[in-house]
Amino acid sequence: KRLGVNDRVATLVDAGRLDVRVHLSNRQFGRLV
């Protein structure tokens, strides 16, 4: 395949930097802090 400058090859996810995203309500957040 012919690629141009800045053409996307793939997306890389860092295996050593996985996060858990949690959505907390105002009441739940108050119970944590």
Full PDB file with SEQRES, HELIX, SHEET, SSBOND, CRYST1, ORIGX, SCALE, CONECT and MASTER records, all heavy atoms in Angstrom:
SEQRES   1 A   33  LYS ARG LEU GLY VAL ASN ASP ARG VAL ALA THR LEU VAL          
SEQRES   2 A   33  ASP ALA GLY ARG LEU ASP VAL ARG VAL HIS LEU SER ASN          
SEQRES   3 A   33  ARG GLN PHE GLY ARG LEU VAL                                  
HELIX    1 AA1 ASN A   26  LEU A   32  1                                   7    
CRYST1    1.000    1.000    1.000  90.00  90.00  90.00 P 1           1          
ORIGX1      1.000000  0.000000  0.000000        0.00000                         
ORIGX2      0.000000  1.000000  0.000000        0.00000                         
ORIGX3      0.000000  0.000000  1.000000        0.00000                         
SCALE1      1.000000  0.000000  0.000000        0.00000                         
SCALE2      0.000000  1.000000  0.000000        0.00000                         
SCALE3      0.000000  0.000000  1.000000        0.00000                         
ATOM      1  N   LYS A   1       0.838  -1.198   0.000  1.00  0.00           N  
ATOM      2  CA  LYS A   1       0.000   0.000   0.000  1.00  0.00           C  
ATOM      3  C   LYS A   1       0.872   1.245   0.000  1.00  0.00           C  
ATOM      4  O   LYS A   1       1.905   1.290   0.643  1.00  0.00           O  
ATOM      5  CB  LYS A   1      -0.912   0.009   1.221  1.00  0.00           C  
ATOM      6  CG  LYS A   1      -1.850   1.192   1.270  1.00  0.00           C  
ATOM      7  CD  LYS A   1      -2.778   1.104   2.468  1.00  0.00           C  
ATOM      8  CE  LYS A   1      -3.721   2.293   2.511  1.00  0.00           C  
ATOM      9  NZ  LYS A   1      -4.667   2.216   3.656  1.00  0.00           N  
ATOM     10  N   ARG A   2       0.432   2.268  -0.750  1.00  0.00           N  
ATOM     11  CA  ARG A   2       1.164   3.524  -0.763  1.00  0.00           C  
ATOM     12  C   ARG A   2       0.592   4.434   0.326  1.00  0.00           C  
ATOM     13  O   ARG A   2      -0.609   4.691   0.369  1.00  0.00           O  
ATOM     14  CB  ARG A   2       1.077   4.216  -2.118  1.00  0.00           C  
ATOM     15  CG  ARG A   2       1.857   5.528  -2.162  1.00  0.00           C  
ATOM     16  CD  ARG A   2       1.903   6.150  -3.537  1.00  0.00           C  
ATOM     17  NE  ARG A   2       2.722   7.344  -3.532  1.00  0.00           N  
ATOM     18  CZ  ARG A   2       4.045   7.364  -3.617  1.00  0.00           C  
ATOM     19  NH1 ARG A   2       4.703   6.218  -3.727  1.00  0.00           N  
ATOM     20  NH2 ARG A   2       4.720   8.497  -3.597  1.00  0.00           N  
ATOM     21  N   LEU A   3       1.470   4.911   1.171  1.00  0.00           N  
ATOM     22  CA  LEU A   3       1.066   5.786   2.264  1.00  0.00           C  
ATOM     23  C   LEU A   3       1.535   7.197   2.001  1.00  0.00           C  
ATOM     24  O   LEU A   3       2.644   7.416   1.500  1.00  0.00           O  
ATOM     25  CB  LEU A   3       1.650   5.295   3.593  1.00  0.00           C  
ATOM     26  CG  LEU A   3       1.209   3.917   4.092  1.00  0.00           C  
ATOM     27  CD1 LEU A   3       1.952   3.557   5.363  1.00  0.00           C  
ATOM     28  CD2 LEU A   3      -0.293   3.892   4.328  1.00  0.00           C  
ATOM     29  N   GLY A   4       0.693   8.157   2.326  1.00  0.00           N  
ATOM     30  CA  GLY A   4       1.081   9.553   2.292  1.00  0.00           C  
ATOM     31  C   GLY A   4       1.571   9.987   3.652  1.00  0.00           C  
ATOM     32  O   GLY A   4       1.416   9.281   4.655  1.00  0.00           O  
ATOM     33  N   VAL A   5       2.174  11.167   3.704  1.00  0.00           N  
ATOM     34  CA  VAL A   5       2.648  11.688   4.975  1.00  0.00           C  
ATOM     35  C   VAL A   5       1.460  11.874   5.919  1.00  0.00           C  
ATOM     36  O   VAL A   5       0.432  12.418   5.545  1.00  0.00           O  
ATOM     37  CB  VAL A   5       3.393  13.016   4.773  1.00  0.00           C  
ATOM     38  CG1 VAL A   5       3.830  13.595   6.110  1.00  0.00           C  
ATOM     39  CG2 VAL A   5       4.593  12.817   3.867  1.00  0.00           C  
ATOM     40  N   ASN A   6       1.582  11.352   7.126  1.00  0.00           N  
ATOM     41  CA  ASN A   6       0.574  11.454   8.181  1.00  0.00           C  
ATOM     42  C   ASN A   6      -0.624  10.526   7.968  1.00  0.00           C  
ATOM     43  O   ASN A   6      -1.626  10.651   8.672  1.00  0.00           O  
ATOM     44  CB  ASN A   6       0.076  12.898   8.339  1.00  0.00           C  
ATOM     45  CG  ASN A   6      -0.368  13.198   9.748  1.00  0.00           C  
ATOM     46  OD1 ASN A   6       0.201  12.676  10.712  1.00  0.00           O  
ATOM     47  ND2 ASN A   6      -1.401  14.007   9.898  1.00  0.00           N  
ATOM     48  N   ASP A   7      -0.532   9.582   7.028  1.00  0.00           N  
ATOM     49  CA  ASP A   7      -1.590   8.569   6.903  1.00  0.00           C  
ATOM     50  C   ASP A   7      -1.531   7.634   8.113  1.00  0.00           C  
ATOM     51  O   ASP A   7      -0.453   7.264   8.582  1.00  0.00           O  
ATOM     52  CB  ASP A   7      -1.412   7.756   5.620  1.00  0.00           C  
ATOM     53  CG  ASP A   7      -1.945   8.504   4.405  1.00  0.00           C  
ATOM     54  OD1 ASP A   7      -2.512   9.601   4.598  1.00  0.00           O  
ATOM     55  OD2 ASP A   7      -1.785   7.999   3.277  1.00  0.00           O  
ATOM     56  N   ARG A   8      -2.722   7.252   8.621  1.00  0.00           N  
ATOM     57  CA  ARG A   8      -2.782   6.400   9.807  1.00  0.00           C  
ATOM     58  C   ARG A   8      -2.379   4.966   9.464  1.00  0.00           C  
ATOM     59  O   ARG A   8      -2.834   4.387   8.489  1.00  0.00           O  
ATOM     60  CB  ARG A   8      -4.192   6.420  10.414  1.00  0.00           C  
ATOM     61  CG  ARG A   8      -4.326   5.605  11.678  1.00  0.00           C  
ATOM     62  CD  ARG A   8      -5.629   5.947  12.399  1.00  0.00           C  
ATOM     63  NE  ARG A   8      -6.769   5.784  11.531  1.00  0.00           N  
ATOM     64  CZ  ARG A   8      -7.392   4.617  11.310  1.00  0.00           C  
ATOM     65  NH1 ARG A   8      -6.953   3.526  11.906  1.00  0.00           N  
ATOM     66  NH2 ARG A   8      -8.428   4.545  10.508  1.00  0.00           N  
ATOM     67  N   VAL A   9      -1.526   4.404  10.307  1.00  0.00           N  
ATOM     68  CA  VAL A   9      -1.107   3.010  10.176  1.00  0.00           C  
ATOM     69  C   VAL A   9      -1.931   2.124  11.108  1.00  0.00           C  
ATOM     70  O   VAL A   9      -2.495   1.117  10.700  1.00  0.00           O  
ATOM     71  CB  VAL A   9       0.404   2.861  10.479  1.00  0.00           C  
ATOM     72  CG1 VAL A   9       0.813   1.393  10.482  1.00  0.00           C  
ATOM     73  CG2 VAL A   9       1.222   3.652   9.472  1.00  0.00           C  
ATOM     74  N   ALA A  10      -2.008   2.488  12.392  1.00  0.00           N  
ATOM     75  CA  ALA A  10      -2.770   1.736  13.391  1.00  0.00           C  
ATOM     76  C   ALA A  10      -2.835   2.591  14.653  1.00  0.00           C  
ATOM     77  O   ALA A  10      -2.164   3.618  14.771  1.00  0.00           O  
ATOM     78  CB  ALA A  10      -2.136   0.379  13.680  1.00  0.00           C  
ATOM     79  N   THR A  11      -3.649   2.145  15.601  1.00  0.00           N  
ATOM     80  CA  THR A  11      -3.726   2.786  16.910  1.00  0.00           C  
ATOM     81  C   THR A  11      -3.125   1.844  17.939  1.00  0.00           C  
ATOM     82  O   THR A  11      -3.461   0.661  17.976  1.00  0.00           O  
ATOM     83  CB  THR A  11      -5.177   3.122  17.277  1.00  0.00           C  
ATOM     84  OG1 THR A  11      -5.716   4.000  16.284  1.00  0.00           O  
ATOM     85  CG2 THR A  11      -5.240   3.812  18.631  1.00  0.00           C  
ATOM     86  N   LEU A  12      -2.227   2.380  18.775  1.00  0.00           N  
ATOM     87  CA  LEU A  12      -1.508   1.583  19.762  1.00  0.00           C  
ATOM     88  C   LEU A  12      -1.975   1.960  21.163  1.00  0.00           C  
ATOM     89  O   LEU A  12      -1.948   3.127  21.543  1.00  0.00           O  
ATOM     90  CB  LEU A  12       0.000   1.812  19.625  1.00  0.00           C  
ATOM     91  CG  LEU A  12       0.903   1.103  20.635  1.00  0.00           C  
ATOM     92  CD1 LEU A  12       0.823  -0.410  20.449  1.00  0.00           C  
ATOM     93  CD2 LEU A  12       2.349   1.582  20.489  1.00  0.00           C  
ATOM     94  N   VAL A  13      -2.407   0.950  21.924  1.00  0.00           N  
ATOM     95  CA  VAL A  13      -2.834   1.134  23.320  1.00  0.00           C  
ATOM     96  C   VAL A  13      -1.716   0.634  24.225  1.00  0.00           C  
ATOM     97  O   VAL A  13      -1.244  -0.500  24.070  1.00  0.00           O  
ATOM     98  CB  VAL A  13      -4.138   0.368  23.601  1.00  0.00           C  
ATOM     99  CG1 VAL A  13      -4.524   0.487  25.068  1.00  0.00           C  
ATOM    100  CG2 VAL A  13      -5.261   0.878  22.714  1.00  0.00           C  
ATOM    101  N   ASP A  14      -1.300   1.467  25.154  1.00  0.00           N  
ATOM    102  CA  ASP A  14      -0.233   1.099  26.086  1.00  0.00           C  
ATOM    103  C   ASP A  14      -0.744   0.018  27.040  1.00  0.00           C  
ATOM    104  O   ASP A  14      -1.676   0.249  27.816  1.00  0.00           O  
ATOM    105  CB  ASP A  14       0.214   2.328  26.870  1.00  0.00           C  
ATOM    106  CG  ASP A  14       1.475   2.069  27.684  1.00  0.00           C  
ATOM    107  OD1 ASP A  14       1.868   0.891  27.811  1.00  0.00           O  
ATOM    108  OD2 ASP A  14       2.061   3.038  28.186  1.00  0.00           O  
ATOM    109  N   ALA A  15      -0.123  -1.167  26.982  1.00  0.00           N  
ATOM    110  CA  ALA A  15      -0.564  -2.281  27.837  1.00  0.00           C  
ATOM    111  C   ALA A  15      -0.241  -2.042  29.296  1.00  0.00           C  
ATOM    112  O   ALA A  15      -0.886  -2.613  30.179  1.00  0.00           O  
ATOM    113  CB  ALA A  15       0.096  -3.583  27.365  1.00  0.00           C  
ATOM    114  N   GLY A  16       0.740  -1.215  29.573  1.00  0.00           N  
ATOM    115  CA  GLY A  16       1.131  -0.971  30.953  1.00  0.00           C  
ATOM    116  C   GLY A  16       0.430   0.205  31.590  1.00  0.00           C  
ATOM    117  O   GLY A  16       0.714   0.541  32.740  1.00  0.00           O  
ATOM    118  N   ARG A  17      -0.490   0.844  30.862  1.00  0.00           N  
ATOM    119  CA  ARG A  17      -1.189   2.011  31.404  1.00  0.00           C  
ATOM    120  C   ARG A  17      -2.684   1.902  31.104  1.00  0.00           C  
ATOM    121  O   ARG A  17      -3.233   2.649  30.310  1.00  0.00           O  
ATOM    122  CB  ARG A  17      -0.629   3.305  30.816  1.00  0.00           C  
ATOM    123  CG  ARG A  17       0.793   3.595  31.240  1.00  0.00           C  
ATOM    124  CD  ARG A  17       1.235   4.983  30.809  1.00  0.00           C  
ATOM    125  NE  ARG A  17       0.427   6.026  31.428  1.00  0.00           N  
ATOM    126  CZ  ARG A  17       0.642   7.327  31.228  1.00  0.00           C  
ATOM    127  NH1 ARG A  17       1.628   7.732  30.454  1.00  0.00           N  
ATOM    128  NH2 ARG A  17      -0.126   8.218  31.814  1.00  0.00           N  
ATOM    129  N   LEU A  18      -3.325   0.928  31.773  1.00  0.00           N  
ATOM    130  CA  LEU A  18      -4.774   0.784  31.677  1.00  0.00           C  
ATOM    131  C   LEU A  18      -5.402   1.416  32.913  1.00  0.00           C  
ATOM    132  O   LEU A  18      -4.961   1.187  34.039  1.00  0.00           O  
ATOM    133  CB  LEU A  18      -5.171  -0.692  31.569  1.00  0.00           C  
ATOM    134  CG  LEU A  18      -4.743  -1.414  30.292  1.00  0.00           C  
ATOM    135  CD1 LEU A  18      -5.194  -2.864  30.327  1.00  0.00           C  
ATOM    136  CD2 LEU A  18      -5.306  -0.719  29.058  1.00  0.00           C  
ATOM    137  N   ASP A  19      -6.433   2.215  32.696  1.00  0.00           N  
ATOM    138  CA  ASP A  19      -7.126   2.899  33.783  1.00  0.00           C  
ATOM    139  C   ASP A  19      -8.548   2.383  33.905  1.00  0.00           C  
ATOM    140  O   ASP A  19      -9.130   1.876  32.934  1.00  0.00           O  
ATOM    141  CB  ASP A  19      -7.168   4.411  33.538  1.00  0.00           C  
ATOM    142  CG  ASP A  19      -5.793   5.050  33.615  1.00  0.00           C  
ATOM    143  OD1 ASP A  19      -4.873   4.387  34.142  1.00  0.00           O  
ATOM    144  OD2 ASP A  19      -5.639   6.185  33.159  1.00  0.00           O  
ATOM    145  N   VAL A  20      -9.107   2.540  35.103  1.00  0.00           N  
ATOM    146  CA  VAL A  20     -10.522   2.288  35.342  1.00  0.00           C  
ATOM    147  C   VAL A  20     -11.197   3.635  35.519  1.00  0.00           C  
ATOM    148  O   VAL A  20     -10.801   4.425  36.378  1.00  0.00           O  
ATOM    149  CB  VAL A  20     -10.750   1.411  36.587  1.00  0.00           C  
ATOM    150  CG1 VAL A  20     -12.236   1.252  36.856  1.00  0.00           C  
ATOM    151  CG2 VAL A  20     -10.117   0.052  36.397  1.00  0.00           C  
ATOM    152  N   ARG A  21     -12.203   3.893  34.678  1.00  0.00           N  
ATOM    153  CA  ARG A  21     -12.946   5.150  34.777  1.00  0.00           C  
ATOM    154  C   ARG A  21     -14.281   4.875  35.459  1.00  0.00           C  
ATOM    155  O   ARG A  21     -15.057   4.029  35.020  1.00  0.00           O  
ATOM    156  CB  ARG A  21     -13.182   5.753  33.400  1.00  0.00           C  
ATOM    157  CG  ARG A  21     -13.941   7.081  33.428  1.00  0.00           C  
ATOM    158  CD  ARG A  21     -14.038   7.656  32.032  1.00  0.00           C  
ATOM    159  NE  ARG A  21     -14.765   6.764  31.147  1.00  0.00           N  
ATOM    160  CZ  ARG A  21     -14.718   6.830  29.818  1.00  0.00           C  
ATOM    161  NH1 ARG A  21     -13.956   7.732  29.237  1.00  0.00           N  
ATOM    162  NH2 ARG A  21     -15.405   5.992  29.075  1.00  0.00           N  
ATOM    163  N   VAL A  22     -14.533   5.595  36.547  1.00  0.00           N  
ATOM    164  CA  VAL A  22     -15.742   5.416  37.348  1.00  0.00           C  
ATOM    165  C   VAL A  22     -16.484   6.736  37.411  1.00  0.00           C  
ATOM    166  O   VAL A  22     -15.876   7.776  37.699  1.00  0.00           O  
ATOM    167  CB  VAL A  22     -15.400   4.936  38.776  1.00  0.00           C  
ATOM    168  CG1 VAL A  22     -16.667   4.785  39.594  1.00  0.00           C  
ATOM    169  CG2 VAL A  22     -14.637   3.617  38.724  1.00  0.00           C  
ATOM    170  N   HIS A  23     -17.785   6.697  37.130  1.00  0.00           N  
ATOM    171  CA  HIS A  23     -18.610   7.898  37.263  1.00  0.00           C  
ATOM    172  C   HIS A  23     -19.317   7.851  38.610  1.00  0.00           C  
ATOM    173  O   HIS A  23     -20.058   6.918  38.905  1.00  0.00           O  
ATOM    174  CB  HIS A  23     -19.626   7.989  36.136  1.00  0.00           C  
ATOM    175  CG  HIS A  23     -20.457   9.240  36.194  1.00  0.00           C  
ATOM    176  ND1 HIS A  23     -20.009  10.445  35.706  1.00  0.00           N  
ATOM    177  CD2 HIS A  23     -21.691   9.467  36.721  1.00  0.00           C  
ATOM    178  CE1 HIS A  23     -20.924  11.360  35.916  1.00  0.00           C  
ATOM    179  NE2 HIS A  23     -21.957  10.794  36.530  1.00  0.00           N  
ATOM    180  N   LEU A  24     -19.060   8.859  39.432  1.00  0.00           N  
ATOM    181  CA  LEU A  24     -19.625   8.918  40.771  1.00  0.00           C  
ATOM    182  C   LEU A  24     -20.651  10.040  40.857  1.00  0.00           C  
ATOM    183  O   LEU A  24     -20.430  11.131  40.316  1.00  0.00           O  
ATOM    184  CB  LEU A  24     -18.519   9.173  41.804  1.00  0.00           C  
ATOM    185  CG  LEU A  24     -17.411   8.125  41.889  1.00  0.00           C  
ATOM    186  CD1 LEU A  24     -16.329   8.601  42.839  1.00  0.00           C  
ATOM    187  CD2 LEU A  24     -17.958   6.782  42.336  1.00  0.00           C  
ATOM    188  N   SER A  25     -21.746   9.764  41.526  1.00  0.00           N  
ATOM    189  CA  SER A  25     -22.715  10.813  41.795  1.00  0.00           C  
ATOM    190  C   SER A  25     -22.184  11.735  42.888  1.00  0.00           C  
ATOM    191  O   SER A  25     -21.174  11.433  43.537  1.00  0.00           O  
ATOM    192  CB  SER A  25     -24.052  10.207  42.227  1.00  0.00           C  
ATOM    193  OG  SER A  25     -23.903   9.550  43.482  1.00  0.00           O  
ATOM    194  N   ASN A  26     -22.879  12.837  43.082  1.00  0.00           N  
ATOM    195  CA  ASN A  26     -22.452  13.790  44.107  1.00  0.00           C  
ATOM    196  C   ASN A  26     -22.455  13.137  45.489  1.00  0.00           C  
ATOM    197  O   ASN A  26     -21.554  13.347  46.300  1.00  0.00           O  
ATOM    198  CB  ASN A  26     -23.380  15.003  44.079  1.00  0.00           C  
ATOM    199  CG  ASN A  26     -22.845  16.135  44.931  1.00  0.00           C  
ATOM    200  OD1 ASN A  26     -21.647  16.383  44.968  1.00  0.00           O  
ATOM    201  ND2 ASN A  26     -23.729  16.818  45.640  1.00  0.00           N  
ATOM    202  N   ARG A  27     -23.472  12.298  45.747  1.00  0.00           N  
ATOM    203  CA  ARG A  27     -23.576  11.623  47.045  1.00  0.00           C  
ATOM    204  C   ARG A  27     -22.456  10.596  47.218  1.00  0.00           C  
ATOM    205  O   ARG A  27     -21.840  10.496  48.283  1.00  0.00           O  
ATOM    206  CB  ARG A  27     -24.937  10.953  47.157  1.00  0.00           C  
ATOM    207  CG  ARG A  27     -25.171  10.196  48.454  1.00  0.00           C  
ATOM    208  CD  ARG A  27     -26.609   9.709  48.540  1.00  0.00           C  
ATOM    209  NE  ARG A  27     -26.811   8.886  49.715  1.00  0.00           N  
ATOM    210  CZ  ARG A  27     -26.621   7.573  49.747  1.00  0.00           C  
ATOM    211  NH1 ARG A  27     -26.229   6.942  48.644  1.00  0.00           N  
ATOM    212  NH2 ARG A  27     -26.820   6.885  50.857  1.00  0.00           N  
ATOM    213  N   GLN A  28     -22.174   9.831  46.169  1.00  0.00           N  
ATOM    214  CA  GLN A  28     -21.109   8.833  46.248  1.00  0.00           C  
ATOM    215  C   GLN A  28     -19.750   9.494  46.429  1.00  0.00           C  
ATOM    216  O   GLN A  28     -18.909   9.012  47.199  1.00  0.00           O  
ATOM    217  CB  GLN A  28     -21.112   7.967  44.989  1.00  0.00           C  
ATOM    218  CG  GLN A  28     -22.311   7.038  44.886  1.00  0.00           C  
ATOM    219  CD  GLN A  28     -22.368   6.348  43.543  1.00  0.00           C  
ATOM    220  OE1 GLN A  28     -21.951   6.910  42.521  1.00  0.00           O  
ATOM    221  NE2 GLN A  28     -22.902   5.135  43.530  1.00  0.00           N  
ATOM    222  N   PHE A  29     -19.528  10.588  45.725  1.00  0.00           N  
ATOM    223  CA  PHE A  29     -18.247  11.287  45.851  1.00  0.00           C  
ATOM    224  C   PHE A  29     -18.067  11.822  47.269  1.00  0.00           C  
ATOM    225  O   PHE A  29     -16.960  11.797  47.825  1.00  0.00           O  
ATOM    226  CB  PHE A  29     -18.179  12.426  44.837  1.00  0.00           C  
ATOM    227  CG  PHE A  29     -16.843  13.090  44.758  1.00  0.00           C  
ATOM    228  CD1 PHE A  29     -15.726  12.400  44.313  1.00  0.00           C  
ATOM    229  CD2 PHE A  29     -16.676  14.410  45.133  1.00  0.00           C  
ATOM    230  CE1 PHE A  29     -14.484  13.000  44.246  1.00  0.00           C  
ATOM    231  CE2 PHE A  29     -15.440  15.031  45.072  1.00  0.00           C  
ATOM    232  CZ  PHE A  29     -14.351  14.313  44.622  1.00  0.00           C  
ATOM    233  N   GLY A  30     -19.156  12.285  47.877  1.00  0.00           N  
ATOM    234  CA  GLY A  30     -19.082  12.770  49.245  1.00  0.00           C  
ATOM    235  C   GLY A  30     -18.754  11.675  50.235  1.00  0.00           C  
ATOM    236  O   GLY A  30     -18.167  11.942  51.290  1.00  0.00           O  
ATOM    237  N   ARG A  31     -19.122  10.414  49.921  1.00  0.00           N  
ATOM    238  CA  ARG A  31     -18.801   9.303  50.813  1.00  0.00           C  
ATOM    239  C   ARG A  31     -17.337   8.899  50.720  1.00  0.00           C  
ATOM    240  O   ARG A  31     -16.841   8.158  51.567  1.00  0.00           O  
ATOM    241  CB  ARG A  31     -19.681   8.101  50.475  1.00  0.00           C  
ATOM    242  CG  ARG A  31     -21.151   8.288  50.815  1.00  0.00           C  
ATOM    243  CD  ARG A  31     -21.973   7.096  50.381  1.00  0.00           C  
ATOM    244  NE  ARG A  31     -21.504   5.867  51.018  1.00  0.00           N  
ATOM    245  CZ  ARG A  31     -21.998   4.660  50.735  1.00  0.00           C  
ATOM    246  NH1 ARG A  31     -22.969   4.531  49.854  1.00  0.00           N  
ATOM    247  NH2 ARG A  31     -21.513   3.598  51.347  1.00  0.00           N  
ATOM    248  N   LEU A  32     -16.628   9.379  49.704  1.00  0.00           N  
ATOM    249  CA  LEU A  32     -15.228   8.981  49.522  1.00  0.00           C  
ATOM    250  C   LEU A  32     -14.249   9.975  50.116  1.00  0.00           C  
ATOM    251  O   LEU A  32     -13.158   9.598  50.548  1.00  0.00           O  
ATOM    252  CB  LEU A  32     -14.923   8.822  48.028  1.00  0.00           C  
ATOM    253  CG  LEU A  32     -15.623   7.673  47.293  1.00  0.00           C  
ATOM    254  CD1 LEU A  32     -15.232   7.690  45.837  1.00  0.00           C  
ATOM    255  CD2 LEU A  32     -15.285   6.338  47.920  1.00  0.00           C  
ATOM    256  N   VAL A  33     -14.588  11.246  50.113  1.00  0.00           N  
ATOM    257  CA  VAL A  33     -13.624  12.254  50.529  1.00  0.00           C  
ATOM    258  C   VAL A  33     -14.004  12.817  51.879  1.00  0.00           C  
ATOM    259  O   VAL A  33     -15.175  12.984  52.200  1.00  0.00           O  
ATOM    260  CB  VAL A  33     -13.539  13.401  49.484  1.00  0.00           C  
ATOM    261  CG1 VAL A  33     -12.999  12.882  48.186  1.00  0.00           C  
ATOM    262  CG2 VAL A  33     -14.902  14.044  49.248  1.00  0.00           C  
TER     263      VAL A  33                                                      
MASTER        0    0    0    1    0    0    0    6  262    1    0    3          
END                                                                             
